[in-house]
């Protein structure tokens, strides 16, 4: 698993409302665009690559699969919250997202995250 790139992608997306919107609009295309983007200032570590399983999980916005693949739990929750925020309002729905997330990742057990 390319844990660093998975974490980097999640952080990249969730730090910008524009990137979140673009990702939500077409996750598969956004992932492929990110992978094909020119290296940034951190070119030495910007060898963007994801496994087929990681690409599929991001394309499906499947946080349970990402969790099972060993993504960083803290980053994954914030990424999940960002890309599903449009599905709830402050008055209703957020608790449902929390419960869906718990139900999906709970059976995976604790991940053994080592960067």
PDB file of N, CA and C in Angstrom:
ATOM      1  N   UNK A   1       0.838  -1.186   0.000  1.00  0.00           N
ATOM      2  CA  UNK A   1       0.000   0.000   0.000  1.00  0.00           C
ATOM      3  C   UNK A   1       0.880   1.245   0.000  1.00  0.00           C
ATOM      4  N   UNK A   2       0.464   2.224  -0.706  1.00  0.00           N
ATOM      5  CA  UNK A   2       1.188   3.481  -0.783  1.00  0.00           C
ATOM      6  C   UNK A   2       0.612   4.447   0.257  1.00  0.00           C
ATOM      7  N   UNK A   3       0.809   4.124   1.512  1.00  0.00           N
ATOM      8  CA  UNK A   3       0.177   4.874   2.600  1.00  0.00           C
ATOM      9  C   UNK A   3       0.455   6.376   2.542  1.00  0.00           C
ATOM     10  N   UNK A   4       1.679   6.738   2.237  1.00  0.00           N
ATOM     11  CA  UNK A   4       2.001   8.156   2.194  1.00  0.00           C
ATOM     12  C   UNK A   4       1.155   8.867   1.142  1.00  0.00           C
ATOM     13  N   UNK A   5       1.034   8.275  -0.035  1.00  0.00           N
ATOM     14  CA  UNK A   5       0.268   8.909  -1.109  1.00  0.00           C
ATOM     15  C   UNK A   5      -1.226   8.928  -0.791  1.00  0.00           C
ATOM     16  N   UNK A   6      -1.725   7.886  -0.164  1.00  0.00           N
ATOM     17  CA  UNK A   6      -3.133   7.877   0.250  1.00  0.00           C
ATOM     18  C   UNK A   6      -3.385   9.015   1.226  1.00  0.00           C
ATOM     19  N   UNK A   7      -2.533   9.113   2.228  1.00  0.00           N
ATOM     20  CA  UNK A   7      -2.680  10.189   3.218  1.00  0.00           C
ATOM     21  C   UNK A   7      -2.530  11.560   2.564  1.00  0.00           C
ATOM     22  N   UNK A   8      -1.569  11.680   1.669  1.00  0.00           N
ATOM     23  CA  UNK A   8      -1.325  12.945   0.984  1.00  0.00           C
ATOM     24  C   UNK A   8      -2.540  13.349   0.150  1.00  0.00           C
ATOM     25  N   UNK A   9      -3.124  12.384  -0.561  1.00  0.00           N
ATOM     26  CA  UNK A   9      -4.300  12.676  -1.375  1.00  0.00           C
ATOM     27  C   UNK A   9      -5.465  13.137  -0.502  1.00  0.00           C
ATOM     28  N   UNK A  10      -5.726  12.414   0.586  1.00  0.00           N
ATOM     29  CA  UNK A  10      -6.840  12.794   1.465  1.00  0.00           C
ATOM     30  C   UNK A  10      -6.640  14.198   2.011  1.00  0.00           C
ATOM     31  N   UNK A  11      -5.444  14.491   2.448  1.00  0.00           N
ATOM     32  CA  UNK A  11      -5.154  15.812   3.021  1.00  0.00           C
ATOM     33  C   UNK A  11      -5.279  16.897   1.949  1.00  0.00           C
ATOM     34  N   UNK A  12      -4.770  16.624   0.753  1.00  0.00           N
ATOM     35  CA  UNK A  12      -4.851  17.560  -0.370  1.00  0.00           C
ATOM     36  C   UNK A  12      -6.304  17.924  -0.647  1.00  0.00           C
ATOM     37  N   UNK A  13      -7.167  16.928  -0.711  1.00  0.00           N
ATOM     38  CA  UNK A  13      -8.575  17.166  -1.031  1.00  0.00           C
ATOM     39  C   UNK A  13      -9.250  17.932   0.093  1.00  0.00           C
ATOM     40  N   UNK A  14      -9.120  17.462   1.316  1.00  0.00           N
ATOM     41  CA  UNK A  14      -9.924  18.023   2.400  1.00  0.00           C
ATOM     42  C   UNK A  14      -9.520  19.421   2.838  1.00  0.00           C
ATOM     43  N   UNK A  15      -8.384  19.914   2.399  1.00  0.00           N
ATOM     44  CA  UNK A  15      -7.967  21.262   2.786  1.00  0.00           C
ATOM     45  C   UNK A  15      -8.546  22.369   1.914  1.00  0.00           C
ATOM     46  N   UNK A  16      -9.327  22.033   0.908  1.00  0.00           N
ATOM     47  CA  UNK A  16      -9.870  23.052   0.013  1.00  0.00           C
ATOM     48  C   UNK A  16     -11.309  22.720  -0.352  1.00  0.00           C
ATOM     49  N   UNK A  17     -12.200  23.675  -0.140  1.00  0.00           N
ATOM     50  CA  UNK A  17     -13.599  23.460  -0.514  1.00  0.00           C
ATOM     51  C   UNK A  17     -13.737  23.205  -2.013  1.00  0.00           C
ATOM     52  N   UNK A  18     -12.917  23.879  -2.813  1.00  0.00           N
ATOM     53  CA  UNK A  18     -12.970  23.691  -4.269  1.00  0.00           C
ATOM     54  C   UNK A  18     -12.540  22.283  -4.655  1.00  0.00           C
ATOM     55  N   UNK A  19     -11.490  21.792  -4.015  1.00  0.00           N
ATOM     56  CA  UNK A  19     -11.026  20.429  -4.320  1.00  0.00           C
ATOM     57  C   UNK A  19     -12.030  19.402  -3.836  1.00  0.00           C
ATOM     58  N   UNK A  20     -12.638  19.627  -2.681  1.00  0.00           N
ATOM     59  CA  UNK A  20     -13.679  18.717  -2.194  1.00  0.00           C
ATOM     60  C   UNK A  20     -14.815  18.652  -3.205  1.00  0.00           C
ATOM     61  N   UNK A  21     -15.270  19.815  -3.675  1.00  0.00           N
ATOM     62  CA  UNK A  21     -16.380  19.856  -4.638  1.00  0.00           C
ATOM     63  C   UNK A  21     -16.010  19.134  -5.933  1.00  0.00           C
ATOM     64  N   UNK A  22     -14.806  19.333  -6.414  1.00  0.00           N
ATOM     65  CA  UNK A  22     -14.375  18.673  -7.647  1.00  0.00           C
ATOM     66  C   UNK A  22     -14.286  17.165  -7.450  1.00  0.00           C
ATOM     67  N   UNK A  23     -13.774  16.740  -6.315  1.00  0.00           N
ATOM     68  CA  UNK A  23     -13.684  15.307  -6.013  1.00  0.00           C
ATOM     69  C   UNK A  23     -15.068  14.685  -5.916  1.00  0.00           C
ATOM     70  N   UNK A  24     -15.974  15.320  -5.188  1.00  0.00           N
ATOM     71  CA  UNK A  24     -17.327  14.793  -5.017  1.00  0.00           C
ATOM     72  C   UNK A  24     -18.056  14.714  -6.359  1.00  0.00           C
ATOM     73  N   UNK A  25     -17.829  15.690  -7.225  1.00  0.00           N
ATOM     74  CA  UNK A  25     -18.506  15.714  -8.526  1.00  0.00           C
ATOM     75  C   UNK A  25     -18.130  14.509  -9.387  1.00  0.00           C
ATOM     76  N   UNK A  26     -16.879  14.077  -9.339  1.00  0.00           N
ATOM     77  CA  UNK A  26     -16.431  12.934 -10.146  1.00  0.00           C
ATOM     78  C   UNK A  26     -15.175  12.353  -9.502  1.00  0.00           C
ATOM     79  N   UNK A  27     -15.364  11.497  -8.479  1.00  0.00           N
ATOM     80  CA  UNK A  27     -14.205  10.989  -7.737  1.00  0.00           C
ATOM     81  C   UNK A  27     -13.162  10.285  -8.602  1.00  0.00           C
ATOM     82  N   UNK A  28     -13.590   9.416  -9.500  1.00  0.00           N
ATOM     83  CA  UNK A  28     -12.631   8.662 -10.314  1.00  0.00           C
ATOM     84  C   UNK A  28     -11.793   9.593 -11.184  1.00  0.00           C
ATOM     85  N   UNK A  29     -12.437  10.544 -11.830  1.00  0.00           N
ATOM     86  CA  UNK A  29     -11.710  11.481 -12.690  1.00  0.00           C
ATOM     87  C   UNK A  29     -10.786  12.357 -11.861  1.00  0.00           C
ATOM     88  N   UNK A  30     -11.225  12.760 -10.683  1.00  0.00           N
ATOM     89  CA  UNK A  30     -10.385  13.599  -9.837  1.00  0.00           C
ATOM     90  C   UNK A  30      -9.129  12.845  -9.412  1.00  0.00           C
ATOM     91  N   UNK A  31      -9.298  11.585  -9.014  1.00  0.00           N
ATOM     92  CA  UNK A  31      -8.147  10.779  -8.611  1.00  0.00           C
ATOM     93  C   UNK A  31      -7.160  10.656  -9.770  1.00  0.00           C
ATOM     94  N   UNK A  32      -7.661  10.336 -10.949  1.00  0.00           N
ATOM     95  CA  UNK A  32      -6.775  10.179 -12.110  1.00  0.00           C
ATOM     96  C   UNK A  32      -6.092  11.504 -12.454  1.00  0.00           C
ATOM     97  N   UNK A  33      -6.817  12.605 -12.347  1.00  0.00           N
ATOM     98  CA  UNK A  33      -6.217  13.913 -12.598  1.00  0.00           C
ATOM     99  C   UNK A  33      -5.126  14.236 -11.601  1.00  0.00           C
ATOM    100  N   UNK A  34      -5.363  13.928 -10.350  1.00  0.00           N
ATOM    101  CA  UNK A  34      -4.356  14.170  -9.314  1.00  0.00           C
ATOM    102  C   UNK A  34      -3.113  13.321  -9.558  1.00  0.00           C
ATOM    103  N   UNK A  35      -3.333  12.069  -9.921  1.00  0.00           N
ATOM    104  CA  UNK A  35      -2.194  11.185 -10.178  1.00  0.00           C
ATOM    105  C   UNK A  35      -1.363  11.659 -11.369  1.00  0.00           C
ATOM    106  N   UNK A  36      -2.024  12.251 -12.356  1.00  0.00           N
ATOM    107  CA  UNK A  36      -1.326  12.696 -13.554  1.00  0.00           C
ATOM    108  C   UNK A  36      -0.805  14.114 -13.492  1.00  0.00           C
ATOM    109  N   UNK A  37      -1.063  14.812 -12.393  1.00  0.00           N
ATOM    110  CA  UNK A  37      -0.638  16.213 -12.271  1.00  0.00           C
ATOM    111  C   UNK A  37       0.881  16.317 -12.226  1.00  0.00           C
ATOM    112  N   UNK A  38       1.354  17.441 -12.687  1.00  0.00           N
ATOM    113  CA  UNK A  38       2.793  17.697 -12.642  1.00  0.00           C
ATOM    114  C   UNK A  38       3.252  17.792 -11.197  1.00  0.00           C
ATOM    115  N   UNK A  39       4.457  17.344 -10.921  1.00  0.00           N
ATOM    116  CA  UNK A  39       4.968  17.434  -9.549  1.00  0.00           C
ATOM    117  C   UNK A  39       4.981  18.868  -9.037  1.00  0.00           C
ATOM    118  N   UNK A  40       4.745  19.004  -7.764  1.00  0.00           N
ATOM    119  CA  UNK A  40       4.753  20.317  -7.136  1.00  0.00           C
ATOM    120  C   UNK A  40       6.125  20.647  -6.590  1.00  0.00           C
ATOM    121  N   UNK A  41       6.162  21.607  -5.678  1.00  0.00           N
ATOM    122  CA  UNK A  41       7.443  22.041  -5.110  1.00  0.00           C
ATOM    123  C   UNK A  41       8.178  20.911  -4.392  1.00  0.00           C
ATOM    124  N   UNK A  42       7.449  19.935  -3.924  1.00  0.00           N
ATOM    125  CA  UNK A  42       8.062  18.817  -3.207  1.00  0.00           C
ATOM    126  C   UNK A  42       8.337  17.666  -4.176  1.00  0.00           C
ATOM    127  N   UNK A  43       8.849  17.978  -5.338  1.00  0.00           N
ATOM    128  CA  UNK A  43       9.042  17.014  -6.418  1.00  0.00           C
ATOM    129  C   UNK A  43       9.787  15.759  -5.987  1.00  0.00           C
ATOM    130  N   UNK A  44      10.706  15.879  -5.081  1.00  0.00           N
ATOM    131  CA  UNK A  44      11.481  14.700  -4.679  1.00  0.00           C
ATOM    132  C   UNK A  44      10.606  13.629  -4.041  1.00  0.00           C
ATOM    133  N   UNK A  45       9.507  14.034  -3.436  1.00  0.00           N
ATOM    134  CA  UNK A  45       8.620  13.058  -2.804  1.00  0.00           C
ATOM    135  C   UNK A  45       7.264  13.004  -3.487  1.00  0.00           C
ATOM    136  N   UNK A  46       7.165  13.587  -4.639  1.00  0.00           N
ATOM    137  CA  UNK A  46       5.869  13.684  -5.304  1.00  0.00           C
ATOM    138  C   UNK A  46       5.713  12.648  -6.412  1.00  0.00           C
ATOM    139  N   UNK A  47       6.052  11.425  -6.104  1.00  0.00           N
ATOM    140  CA  UNK A  47       5.900  10.336  -7.055  1.00  0.00           C
ATOM    141  C   UNK A  47       4.503   9.738  -6.894  1.00  0.00           C
ATOM    142  N   UNK A  48       3.527  10.463  -7.334  1.00  0.00           N
ATOM    143  CA  UNK A  48       2.132  10.108  -7.107  1.00  0.00           C
ATOM    144  C   UNK A  48       1.783   8.757  -7.713  1.00  0.00           C
ATOM    145  N   UNK A  49       1.368   7.852  -6.845  1.00  0.00           N
ATOM    146  CA  UNK A  49       0.930   6.539  -7.296  1.00  0.00           C
ATOM    147  C   UNK A  49      -0.007   5.953  -6.251  1.00  0.00           C
ATOM    148  N   UNK A  50      -0.973   5.198  -6.719  1.00  0.00           N
ATOM    149  CA  UNK A  50      -1.901   4.476  -5.855  1.00  0.00           C
ATOM    150  C   UNK A  50      -2.076   3.081  -6.432  1.00  0.00           C
ATOM    151  N   UNK A  51      -2.358   2.126  -5.565  1.00  0.00           N
ATOM    152  CA  UNK A  51      -2.654   0.782  -6.046  1.00  0.00           C
ATOM    153  C   UNK A  51      -4.050   0.781  -6.669  1.00  0.00           C
ATOM    154  N   UNK A  52      -4.362  -0.283  -7.389  1.00  0.00           N
ATOM    155  CA  UNK A  52      -5.697  -0.407  -7.978  1.00  0.00           C
ATOM    156  C   UNK A  52      -6.780  -0.401  -6.899  1.00  0.00           C
ATOM    157  N   UNK A  53      -6.515  -1.058  -5.773  1.00  0.00           N
ATOM    158  CA  UNK A  53      -7.491  -1.094  -4.674  1.00  0.00           C
ATOM    159  C   UNK A  53      -7.712   0.293  -4.089  1.00  0.00           C
ATOM    160  N   UNK A  54      -6.647   1.065  -3.953  1.00  0.00           N
ATOM    161  CA  UNK A  54      -6.761   2.424  -3.427  1.00  0.00           C
ATOM    162  C   UNK A  54      -7.541   3.308  -4.396  1.00  0.00           C
ATOM    163  N   UNK A  55      -7.223   3.204  -5.670  1.00  0.00           N
ATOM    164  CA  UNK A  55      -7.958   3.976  -6.685  1.00  0.00           C
ATOM    165  C   UNK A  55      -9.438   3.639  -6.639  1.00  0.00           C
ATOM    166  N   UNK A  56      -9.756   2.361  -6.575  1.00  0.00           N
ATOM    167  CA  UNK A  56     -11.155   1.930  -6.554  1.00  0.00           C
ATOM    168  C   UNK A  56     -11.870   2.451  -5.311  1.00  0.00           C
ATOM    169  N   UNK A  57     -11.199   2.405  -4.173  1.00  0.00           N
ATOM    170  CA  UNK A  57     -11.817   2.891  -2.932  1.00  0.00           C
ATOM    171  C   UNK A  57     -12.077   4.389  -3.005  1.00  0.00           C
ATOM    172  N   UNK A  58     -11.115   5.150  -3.525  1.00  0.00           N
ATOM    173  CA  UNK A  58     -11.331   6.589  -3.675  1.00  0.00           C
ATOM    174  C   UNK A  58     -12.411   6.878  -4.709  1.00  0.00           C
ATOM    175  N   UNK A  59     -12.427   6.137  -5.801  1.00  0.00           N
ATOM    176  CA  UNK A  59     -13.437   6.352  -6.842  1.00  0.00           C
ATOM    177  C   UNK A  59     -14.839   6.095  -6.304  1.00  0.00           C
ATOM    178  N   UNK A  60     -14.971   5.143  -5.395  1.00  0.00           N
ATOM    179  CA  UNK A  60     -16.274   4.806  -4.816  1.00  0.00           C
ATOM    180  C   UNK A  60     -16.574   5.599  -3.541  1.00  0.00           C
ATOM    181  N   UNK A  61     -15.638   6.444  -3.107  1.00  0.00           N
ATOM    182  CA  UNK A  61     -15.754   7.155  -1.828  1.00  0.00           C
ATOM    183  C   UNK A  61     -16.061   6.160  -0.709  1.00  0.00           C
ATOM    184  N   UNK A  62     -15.347   5.051  -0.735  1.00  0.00           N
ATOM    185  CA  UNK A  62     -15.578   3.930   0.178  1.00  0.00           C
ATOM    186  C   UNK A  62     -14.640   4.017   1.374  1.00  0.00           C
ATOM    187  N   UNK A  63     -15.091   4.683   2.426  1.00  0.00           N
ATOM    188  CA  UNK A  63     -14.241   4.872   3.587  1.00  0.00           C
ATOM    189  C   UNK A  63     -13.968   3.572   4.324  1.00  0.00           C
ATOM    190  N   UNK A  64     -14.869   2.599   4.249  1.00  0.00           N
ATOM    191  CA  UNK A  64     -14.607   1.302   4.884  1.00  0.00           C
ATOM    192  C   UNK A  64     -13.441   0.607   4.191  1.00  0.00           C
ATOM    193  N   UNK A  65     -13.409   0.641   2.874  1.00  0.00           N
ATOM    194  CA  UNK A  65     -12.309   0.014   2.124  1.00  0.00           C
ATOM    195  C   UNK A  65     -11.001   0.737   2.417  1.00  0.00           C
ATOM    196  N   UNK A  66     -11.040   2.056   2.464  1.00  0.00           N
ATOM    197  CA  UNK A  66      -9.825   2.817   2.766  1.00  0.00           C
ATOM    198  C   UNK A  66      -9.318   2.484   4.170  1.00  0.00           C
ATOM    199  N   UNK A  67     -10.224   2.366   5.105  1.00  0.00           N
ATOM    200  CA  UNK A  67      -9.854   2.003   6.474  1.00  0.00           C
ATOM    201  C   UNK A  67      -9.221   0.619   6.498  1.00  0.00           C
ATOM    202  N   UNK A  68      -9.847  -0.333   5.794  1.00  0.00           N
ATOM    203  CA  UNK A  68      -9.323  -1.698   5.741  1.00  0.00           C
ATOM    204  C   UNK A  68      -7.945  -1.744   5.087  1.00  0.00           C
ATOM    205  N   UNK A  69      -7.695  -0.826   4.165  1.00  0.00           N
ATOM    206  CA  UNK A  69      -6.389  -0.765   3.510  1.00  0.00           C
ATOM    207  C   UNK A  69      -5.308  -0.173   4.419  1.00  0.00           C
ATOM    208  N   UNK A  70      -5.717   0.374   5.548  1.00  0.00           N
ATOM    209  CA  UNK A  70      -4.756   0.873   6.517  1.00  0.00           C
ATOM    210  C   UNK A  70      -4.491   2.355   6.482  1.00  0.00           C
ATOM    211  N   UNK A  71      -5.420   3.132   5.942  1.00  0.00           N
ATOM    212  CA  UNK A  71      -5.208   4.570   5.938  1.00  0.00           C
ATOM    213  C   UNK A  71      -5.171   5.108   7.361  1.00  0.00           C
ATOM    214  N   UNK A  72      -4.597   6.275   7.506  1.00  0.00           N
ATOM    215  CA  UNK A  72      -4.495   6.899   8.820  1.00  0.00           C
ATOM    216  C   UNK A  72      -5.907   7.228   9.310  1.00  0.00           C
ATOM    217  N   UNK A  73      -6.326   6.678  10.449  1.00  0.00           N
ATOM    218  CA  UNK A  73      -7.707   6.864  10.908  1.00  0.00           C
ATOM    219  C   UNK A  73      -8.116   8.319  11.113  1.00  0.00           C
ATOM    220  N   UNK A  74      -7.226   9.133  11.637  1.00  0.00           N
ATOM    221  CA  UNK A  74      -7.547  10.537  11.873  1.00  0.00           C
ATOM    222  C   UNK A  74      -7.766  11.262  10.551  1.00  0.00           C
ATOM    223  N   UNK A  75      -6.855  11.074   9.604  1.00  0.00           N
ATOM    224  CA  UNK A  75      -7.003  11.713   8.300  1.00  0.00           C
ATOM    225  C   UNK A  75      -8.244  11.189   7.575  1.00  0.00           C
ATOM    226  N   UNK A  76      -8.494   9.894   7.698  1.00  0.00           N
ATOM    227  CA  UNK A  76      -9.645   9.311   7.008  1.00  0.00           C
ATOM    228  C   UNK A  76     -10.951   9.907   7.513  1.00  0.00           C
ATOM    229  N   UNK A  77     -11.094  10.091   8.815  1.00  0.00           N
ATOM    230  CA  UNK A  77     -12.343  10.665   9.322  1.00  0.00           C
ATOM    231  C   UNK A  77     -12.529  12.084   8.789  1.00  0.00           C
ATOM    232  N   UNK A  78     -11.503  12.899   8.821  1.00  0.00           N
ATOM    233  CA  UNK A  78     -11.642  14.276   8.345  1.00  0.00           C
ATOM    234  C   UNK A  78     -11.912  14.330   6.842  1.00  0.00           C
ATOM    235  N   UNK A  79     -11.292  13.441   6.097  1.00  0.00           N
ATOM    236  CA  UNK A  79     -11.563  13.332   4.668  1.00  0.00           C
ATOM    237  C   UNK A  79     -13.016  12.915   4.443  1.00  0.00           C
ATOM    238  N   UNK A  80     -13.460  11.898   5.168  1.00  0.00           N
ATOM    239  CA  UNK A  80     -14.836  11.403   5.041  1.00  0.00           C
ATOM    240  C   UNK A  80     -15.835  12.498   5.373  1.00  0.00           C
ATOM    241  N   UNK A  81     -15.593  13.194   6.449  1.00  0.00           N
ATOM    242  CA  UNK A  81     -16.479  14.285   6.848  1.00  0.00           C
ATOM    243  C   UNK A  81     -16.532  15.368   5.766  1.00  0.00           C
ATOM    244  N   UNK A  82     -15.387  15.715   5.205  1.00  0.00           N
ATOM    245  CA  UNK A  82     -15.339  16.752   4.172  1.00  0.00           C
ATOM    246  C   UNK A  82     -16.094  16.350   2.917  1.00  0.00           C
ATOM    247  N   UNK A  83     -15.905  15.120   2.464  1.00  0.00           N
ATOM    248  CA  UNK A  83     -16.509  14.725   1.185  1.00  0.00           C
ATOM    249  C   UNK A  83     -17.956  14.273   1.321  1.00  0.00           C
ATOM    250  N   UNK A  84     -18.442  14.141   2.545  1.00  0.00           N
ATOM    251  CA  UNK A  84     -19.850  13.808   2.758  1.00  0.00           C
ATOM    252  C   UNK A  84     -20.628  14.957   3.391  1.00  0.00           C
ATOM    253  N   UNK A  85     -19.973  16.096   3.614  1.00  0.00           N
ATOM    254  CA  UNK A  85     -20.617  17.234   4.280  1.00  0.00           C
ATOM    255  C   UNK A  85     -21.863  17.705   3.543  1.00  0.00           C
ATOM    256  N   UNK A  86     -21.860  17.605   2.235  1.00  0.00           N
ATOM    257  CA  UNK A  86     -23.012  18.061   1.452  1.00  0.00           C
ATOM    258  C   UNK A  86     -24.250  17.204   1.696  1.00  0.00           C
ATOM    259  N   UNK A  87     -24.084  16.069   2.352  1.00  0.00           N
ATOM    260  CA  UNK A  87     -25.204  15.157   2.595  1.00  0.00           C
ATOM    261  C   UNK A  87     -25.968  15.466   3.876  1.00  0.00           C
ATOM    262  N   UNK A  88     -25.483  16.394   4.665  1.00  0.00           N
ATOM    263  CA  UNK A  88     -26.167  16.694   5.918  1.00  0.00           C
ATOM    264  C   UNK A  88     -26.182  18.184   6.200  1.00  0.00           C
ATOM    265  N   UNK A  89     -27.038  18.577   7.127  1.00  0.00           N
ATOM    266  CA  UNK A  89     -27.118  19.962   7.577  1.00  0.00           C
ATOM    267  C   UNK A  89     -26.691  19.997   9.041  1.00  0.00           C
ATOM    268  N   UNK A  90     -26.380  21.177   9.561  1.00  0.00           N
ATOM    269  CA  UNK A  90     -26.010  21.245  10.977  1.00  0.00           C
ATOM    270  C   UNK A  90     -27.116  20.739  11.904  1.00  0.00           C
ATOM    271  N   UNK A  91     -28.355  20.867  11.463  1.00  0.00           N
ATOM    272  CA  UNK A  91     -29.470  20.445  12.314  1.00  0.00           C
ATOM    273  C   UNK A  91     -29.744  18.951  12.244  1.00  0.00           C
ATOM    274  N   UNK A  92     -29.418  18.322  11.146  1.00  0.00           N
ATOM    275  CA  UNK A  92     -29.751  16.904  10.990  1.00  0.00           C
ATOM    276  C   UNK A  92     -28.761  16.225  10.056  1.00  0.00           C
ATOM    277  N   UNK A  93     -28.503  14.991  10.319  1.00  0.00           N
ATOM    278  CA  UNK A  93     -27.739  14.185   9.397  1.00  0.00           C
ATOM    279  C   UNK A  93     -26.308  13.896   9.783  1.00  0.00           C
ATOM    280  N   UNK A  94     -25.649  14.814  10.494  1.00  0.00           N
ATOM    281  CA  UNK A  94     -24.252  14.578  10.824  1.00  0.00           C
ATOM    282  C   UNK A  94     -24.111  13.335  11.683  1.00  0.00           C
ATOM    283  N   UNK A  95     -24.993  13.174  12.648  1.00  0.00           N
ATOM    284  CA  UNK A  95     -24.948  11.993  13.516  1.00  0.00           C
ATOM    285  C   UNK A  95     -25.108  10.724  12.687  1.00  0.00           C
ATOM    286  N   UNK A  96     -25.928  10.789  11.635  1.00  0.00           N
ATOM    287  CA  UNK A  96     -26.102   9.628  10.759  1.00  0.00           C
ATOM    288  C   UNK A  96     -24.784   9.271  10.071  1.00  0.00           C
ATOM    289  N   UNK A  97     -24.039  10.283   9.609  1.00  0.00           N
ATOM    290  CA  UNK A  97     -22.742  10.027   8.992  1.00  0.00           C
ATOM    291  C   UNK A  97     -21.804   9.360   9.993  1.00  0.00           C
ATOM    292  N   UNK A  98     -21.783   9.851  11.212  1.00  0.00           N
ATOM    293  CA  UNK A  98     -20.933   9.262  12.251  1.00  0.00           C
ATOM    294  C   UNK A  98     -21.300   7.791  12.448  1.00  0.00           C
ATOM    295  N   UNK A  99     -22.585   7.508  12.532  1.00  0.00           N
ATOM    296  CA  UNK A  99     -23.024   6.122  12.754  1.00  0.00           C
ATOM    297  C   UNK A  99     -22.727   5.234  11.549  1.00  0.00           C
ATOM    298  N   UNK A 100     -22.919   5.751  10.331  1.00  0.00           N
ATOM    299  CA  UNK A 100     -22.580   4.972   9.128  1.00  0.00           C
ATOM    300  C   UNK A 100     -21.089   4.669   9.108  1.00  0.00           C
ATOM    301  N   UNK A 101     -20.290   5.661   9.435  1.00  0.00           N
ATOM    302  CA  UNK A 101     -18.842   5.489   9.457  1.00  0.00           C
ATOM    303  C   UNK A 101     -18.453   4.421  10.477  1.00  0.00           C
ATOM    304  N   UNK A 102     -18.976   4.538  11.689  1.00  0.00           N
ATOM    305  CA  UNK A 102     -18.666   3.553  12.732  1.00  0.00           C
ATOM    306  C   UNK A 102     -19.080   2.147  12.318  1.00  0.00           C
ATOM    307  N   UNK A 103     -20.270   2.027  11.740  1.00  0.00           N
ATOM    308  CA  UNK A 103     -20.755   0.720  11.319  1.00  0.00           C
ATOM    309  C   UNK A 103     -19.884   0.123  10.213  1.00  0.00           C
ATOM    310  N   UNK A 104     -19.368   0.976   9.339  1.00  0.00           N
ATOM    311  CA  UNK A 104     -18.558   0.495   8.217  1.00  0.00           C
ATOM    312  C   UNK A 104     -17.137   0.130   8.640  1.00  0.00           C
ATOM    313  N   UNK A 105     -16.531   0.927   9.512  1.00  0.00           N
ATOM    314  CA  UNK A 105     -15.133   0.664   9.866  1.00  0.00           C
ATOM    315  C   UNK A 105     -14.991  -0.246  11.076  1.00  0.00           C
ATOM    316  N   UNK A 106     -16.005  -0.315  11.917  1.00  0.00           N
ATOM    317  CA  UNK A 106     -15.942  -1.145  13.114  1.00  0.00           C
ATOM    318  C   UNK A 106     -15.560  -2.594  12.854  1.00  0.00           C
ATOM    319  N   UNK A 107     -16.185  -3.247  11.881  1.00  0.00           N
ATOM    320  CA  UNK A 107     -15.841  -4.648  11.615  1.00  0.00           C
ATOM    321  C   UNK A 107     -14.400  -4.860  11.144  1.00  0.00           C
ATOM    322  N   UNK A 108     -13.743  -3.805  10.723  1.00  0.00           N
ATOM    323  CA  UNK A 108     -12.359  -3.923  10.254  1.00  0.00           C
ATOM    324  C   UNK A 108     -11.372  -4.066  11.408  1.00  0.00           C
ATOM    325  N   UNK A 109     -11.827  -3.742  12.621  1.00  0.00           N
ATOM    326  CA  UNK A 109     -10.930  -3.778  13.767  1.00  0.00           C
ATOM    327  C   UNK A 109     -10.016  -2.568  13.773  1.00  0.00           C
ATOM    328  N   UNK A 110      -9.055  -2.587  14.643  1.00  0.00           N
ATOM    329  CA  UNK A 110      -8.094  -1.489  14.721  1.00  0.00           C
ATOM    330  C   UNK A 110      -7.041  -1.661  13.641  1.00  0.00           C
ATOM    331  N   UNK A 111      -6.766  -0.583  12.951  1.00  0.00           N
ATOM    332  CA  UNK A 111      -5.723  -0.658  11.940  1.00  0.00           C
ATOM    333  C   UNK A 111      -4.366  -0.524  12.595  1.00  0.00           C
ATOM    334  N   UNK A 112      -3.384  -1.084  11.965  1.00  0.00           N
ATOM    335  CA  UNK A 112      -2.026  -1.013  12.457  1.00  0.00           C
ATOM    336  C   UNK A 112      -1.288  -0.041  11.571  1.00  0.00           C
ATOM    337  N   UNK A 113      -1.444   1.238  11.849  1.00  0.00           N
ATOM    338  CA  UNK A 113      -0.878   2.276  10.996  1.00  0.00           C
ATOM    339  C   UNK A 113       0.580   2.537  11.360  1.00  0.00           C
ATOM    340  N   UNK A 114       1.425   2.363  10.380  1.00  0.00           N
ATOM    341  CA  UNK A 114       2.833   2.691  10.530  1.00  0.00           C
ATOM    342  C   UNK A 114       3.213   3.506   9.288  1.00  0.00           C
ATOM    343  N   UNK A 115       3.506   4.797   9.459  1.00  0.00           N
ATOM    344  CA  UNK A 115       3.810   5.627   8.271  1.00  0.00           C
ATOM    345  C   UNK A 115       5.072   5.175   7.562  1.00  0.00           C
TER     346      UNK A 115
END
